[in-house]
Amino acid sequence: MEVINKHNTVQQLLTVEQEVQQILNASRNAKTAKLKQAKEEAEKENADFHAQMEVDFQRKHAEGGGHSGPLKRIEQETEAFHHLKIDAARISNDIVRMLLEYTTVTN
């Protein structure tokens, strides 16, 4: 009778061990699924964030904002100065002639 009880006890232990193994496997699978879902959500949020940043950058760039605003103003002022320099070179001979005429007029 004692051998039968030992056999039953061993059988019960094996059954419990299998149940514990099934519970552990289910827990691992659930953990893996949650990690996968969290990773997918993080990747989606990251992609959304980058897309929004790109939209903001393009909007600011189109408006001339950000760092391009001061650069654009400097370029415009440089171009205006260049035009003034060309105009001055074009009329400088006439101005010199006029000054000479007015200062050397004999009475």
C-alpha atoms as a PDB file:
ATOM      1  CA  MET A   1       0.000   0.000   0.000  1.00  0.00           C
ATOM      2  CA  GLU A   2       2.860   2.334   0.771  1.00  0.00           C
ATOM      3  CA  VAL A   3       4.280   1.889  -2.750  1.00  0.00           C
ATOM      4  CA  ILE A   4       0.949   2.918  -4.234  1.00  0.00           C
ATOM      5  CA  ASN A   5       0.866   6.058  -2.063  1.00  0.00           C
ATOM      6  CA  LYS A   6       4.404   6.946  -3.139  1.00  0.00           C
ATOM      7  CA  HIS A   7       3.451   6.368  -6.756  1.00  0.00           C
ATOM      8  CA  ASN A   8       0.373   8.602  -6.356  1.00  0.00           C
ATOM      9  CA  THR A   9       2.442  11.279  -4.636  1.00  0.00           C
ATOM     10  CA  VAL A  10       5.043  11.227  -7.430  1.00  0.00           C
ATOM     11  CA  GLN A  11       2.246  11.372 -10.009  1.00  0.00           C
ATOM     12  CA  GLN A  12       0.650  14.339  -8.219  1.00  0.00           C
ATOM     13  CA  LEU A  13       4.016  16.127  -8.102  1.00  0.00           C
ATOM     14  CA  LEU A  14       4.514  15.565 -11.835  1.00  0.00           C
ATOM     15  CA  THR A  15       1.012  16.903 -12.527  1.00  0.00           C
ATOM     16  CA  VAL A  16       1.632  19.976 -10.377  1.00  0.00           C
ATOM     17  CA  GLU A  17       4.995  20.528 -12.091  1.00  0.00           C
ATOM     18  CA  GLN A  18       3.299  20.423 -15.517  1.00  0.00           C
ATOM     19  CA  GLU A  19       0.641  22.884 -14.348  1.00  0.00           C
ATOM     20  CA  VAL A  20       3.310  25.228 -12.988  1.00  0.00           C
ATOM     21  CA  GLN A  21       5.200  24.967 -16.285  1.00  0.00           C
ATOM     22  CA  GLN A  22       2.023  25.841 -18.206  1.00  0.00           C
ATOM     23  CA  ILE A  23       1.406  28.843 -15.943  1.00  0.00           C
ATOM     24  CA  LEU A  24       5.003  30.023 -16.421  1.00  0.00           C
ATOM     25  CA  ASN A  25       4.746  29.620 -20.214  1.00  0.00           C
ATOM     26  CA  ALA A  26       1.457  31.550 -20.277  1.00  0.00           C
ATOM     27  CA  SER A  27       3.031  34.292 -18.160  1.00  0.00           C
ATOM     28  CA  ARG A  28       6.077  34.514 -20.458  1.00  0.00           C
ATOM     29  CA  ASN A  29       3.845  34.653 -23.530  1.00  0.00           C
ATOM     30  CA  ALA A  30       1.730  37.418 -21.967  1.00  0.00           C
ATOM     31  CA  LYS A  31       4.866  39.363 -21.028  1.00  0.00           C
ATOM     32  CA  THR A  32       6.285  38.984 -24.534  1.00  0.00           C
ATOM     33  CA  ALA A  33       2.992  40.140 -26.060  1.00  0.00           C
ATOM     34  CA  LYS A  34       2.854  43.197 -23.778  1.00  0.00           C
ATOM     35  CA  LEU A  35       6.464  44.104 -24.574  1.00  0.00           C
ATOM     36  CA  LYS A  36       5.778  43.762 -28.296  1.00  0.00           C
ATOM     37  CA  GLN A  37       2.679  45.945 -27.998  1.00  0.00           C
ATOM     38  CA  ALA A  38       4.573  48.568 -25.969  1.00  0.00           C
ATOM     39  CA  LYS A  39       7.373  48.598 -28.558  1.00  0.00           C
ATOM     40  CA  GLU A  40       4.896  49.045 -31.428  1.00  0.00           C
ATOM     41  CA  GLU A  41       3.142  51.889 -29.589  1.00  0.00           C
ATOM     42  CA  ALA A  42       6.478  53.579 -28.833  1.00  0.00           C
ATOM     43  CA  GLU A  43       7.549  53.282 -32.481  1.00  0.00           C
ATOM     44  CA  LYS A  44       4.222  54.768 -33.602  1.00  0.00           C
ATOM     45  CA  GLU A  45       4.528  57.661 -31.136  1.00  0.00           C
ATOM     46  CA  ASN A  46       8.098  58.227 -32.287  1.00  0.00           C
ATOM     47  CA  ALA A  47       7.036  58.268 -35.944  1.00  0.00           C
ATOM     48  CA  ASP A  48       4.159  60.653 -35.148  1.00  0.00           C
ATOM     49  CA  PHE A  49       6.527  62.940 -33.239  1.00  0.00           C
ATOM     50  CA  HIS A  50       9.041  63.011 -36.092  1.00  0.00           C
ATOM     51  CA  ALA A  51       6.269  63.672 -38.617  1.00  0.00           C
ATOM     52  CA  GLN A  52       4.969  66.582 -36.521  1.00  0.00           C
ATOM     53  CA  MET A  53       8.476  67.995 -36.128  1.00  0.00           C
ATOM     54  CA  GLU A  54       8.970  67.774 -39.904  1.00  0.00           C
ATOM     55  CA  VAL A  55       5.668  69.596 -40.501  1.00  0.00           C
ATOM     56  CA  ASP A  56       6.672  72.321 -38.033  1.00  0.00           C
ATOM     57  CA  PHE A  57      10.106  72.651 -39.632  1.00  0.00           C
ATOM     58  CA  GLN A  58       8.665  72.907 -43.146  1.00  0.00           C
ATOM     59  CA  ARG A  59       6.102  75.488 -41.988  1.00  0.00           C
ATOM     60  CA  LYS A  60       8.769  77.622 -40.287  1.00  0.00           C
ATOM     61  CA  HIS A  61      11.049  77.288 -43.287  1.00  0.00           C
ATOM     62  CA  ALA A  62       8.244  78.348 -45.647  1.00  0.00           C
ATOM     63  CA  GLU A  63       7.449  81.350 -43.424  1.00  0.00           C
ATOM     64  CA  GLY A  64      11.084  82.360 -43.364  1.00  0.00           C
ATOM     65  CA  GLY A  65      11.257  81.726 -39.627  1.00  0.00           C
ATOM     66  CA  GLY A  66      13.915  80.071 -37.605  1.00  0.00           C
ATOM     67  CA  HIS A  67      17.482  80.880 -38.593  1.00  0.00           C
ATOM     68  CA  SER A  68      16.639  81.699 -42.195  1.00  0.00           C
ATOM     69  CA  GLY A  69      14.892  85.000 -41.262  1.00  0.00           C
ATOM     70  CA  PRO A  70      18.006  86.941 -40.220  1.00  0.00           C
ATOM     71  CA  LEU A  71      19.992  85.361 -43.035  1.00  0.00           C
ATOM     72  CA  LYS A  72      17.388  86.429 -45.571  1.00  0.00           C
ATOM     73  CA  ARG A  73      17.420  89.994 -44.218  1.00  0.00           C
ATOM     74  CA  ILE A  74      21.230  90.139 -44.444  1.00  0.00           C
ATOM     75  CA  GLU A  75      21.078  88.882 -48.031  1.00  0.00           C
ATOM     76  CA  GLN A  76      18.512  91.547 -48.929  1.00  0.00           C
ATOM     77  CA  GLU A  77      20.556  94.320 -47.316  1.00  0.00           C
ATOM     78  CA  THR A  78      23.716  93.093 -49.039  1.00  0.00           C
ATOM     79  CA  GLU A  79      21.920  93.125 -52.376  1.00  0.00           C
ATOM     80  CA  ALA A  80      20.606  96.662 -51.739  1.00  0.00           C
ATOM     81  CA  PHE A  81      24.137  97.814 -50.827  1.00  0.00           C
ATOM     82  CA  HIS A  82      25.464  96.205 -54.016  1.00  0.00           C
ATOM     83  CA  HIS A  83      22.887  98.136 -56.088  1.00  0.00           C
ATOM     84  CA  LEU A  84      23.859 101.388 -54.349  1.00  0.00           C
ATOM     85  CA  LYS A  85      27.509 100.715 -55.109  1.00  0.00           C
ATOM     86  CA  ILE A  86      26.723 100.095 -58.800  1.00  0.00           C
ATOM     87  CA  ASP A  87      24.618 103.270 -58.979  1.00  0.00           C
ATOM     88  CA  ALA A  88      27.357 105.304 -57.281  1.00  0.00           C
ATOM     89  CA  ALA A  89      29.970 104.001 -59.721  1.00  0.00           C
ATOM     90  CA  ARG A  90      27.687 104.810 -62.643  1.00  0.00           C
ATOM     91  CA  ILE A  91      27.064 108.433 -61.648  1.00  0.00           C
ATOM     92  CA  SER A  92      30.344 109.282 -59.896  1.00  0.00           C
ATOM     93  CA  ASN A  93      31.891 110.888 -62.999  1.00  0.00           C
ATOM     94  CA  ASP A  94      28.842 113.123 -63.421  1.00  0.00           C
ATOM     95  CA  ILE A  95      28.953 114.154 -59.752  1.00  0.00           C
ATOM     96  CA  VAL A  96      32.665 114.989 -59.935  1.00  0.00           C
ATOM     97  CA  ARG A  97      32.080 117.054 -63.108  1.00  0.00           C
ATOM     98  CA  MET A  98      29.166 118.918 -61.464  1.00  0.00           C
ATOM     99  CA  LEU A  99      31.214 119.662 -58.340  1.00  0.00           C
ATOM    100  CA  LEU A 100      34.068 120.955 -60.455  1.00  0.00           C
ATOM    101  CA  GLU A 101      31.677 123.178 -62.417  1.00  0.00           C
ATOM    102  CA  TYR A 102      30.113 124.697 -59.300  1.00  0.00           C
ATOM    103  CA  THR A 103      33.388 125.221 -57.513  1.00  0.00           C
ATOM    104  CA  THR A 104      35.341 126.621 -60.408  1.00  0.00           C
ATOM    105  CA  VAL A 105      32.758 129.010 -61.758  1.00  0.00           C
ATOM    106  CA  THR A 106      34.435 132.329 -62.481  1.00  0.00           C
ATOM    107  CA  ASN A 107      32.615 135.572 -61.851  1.00  0.00           C
END
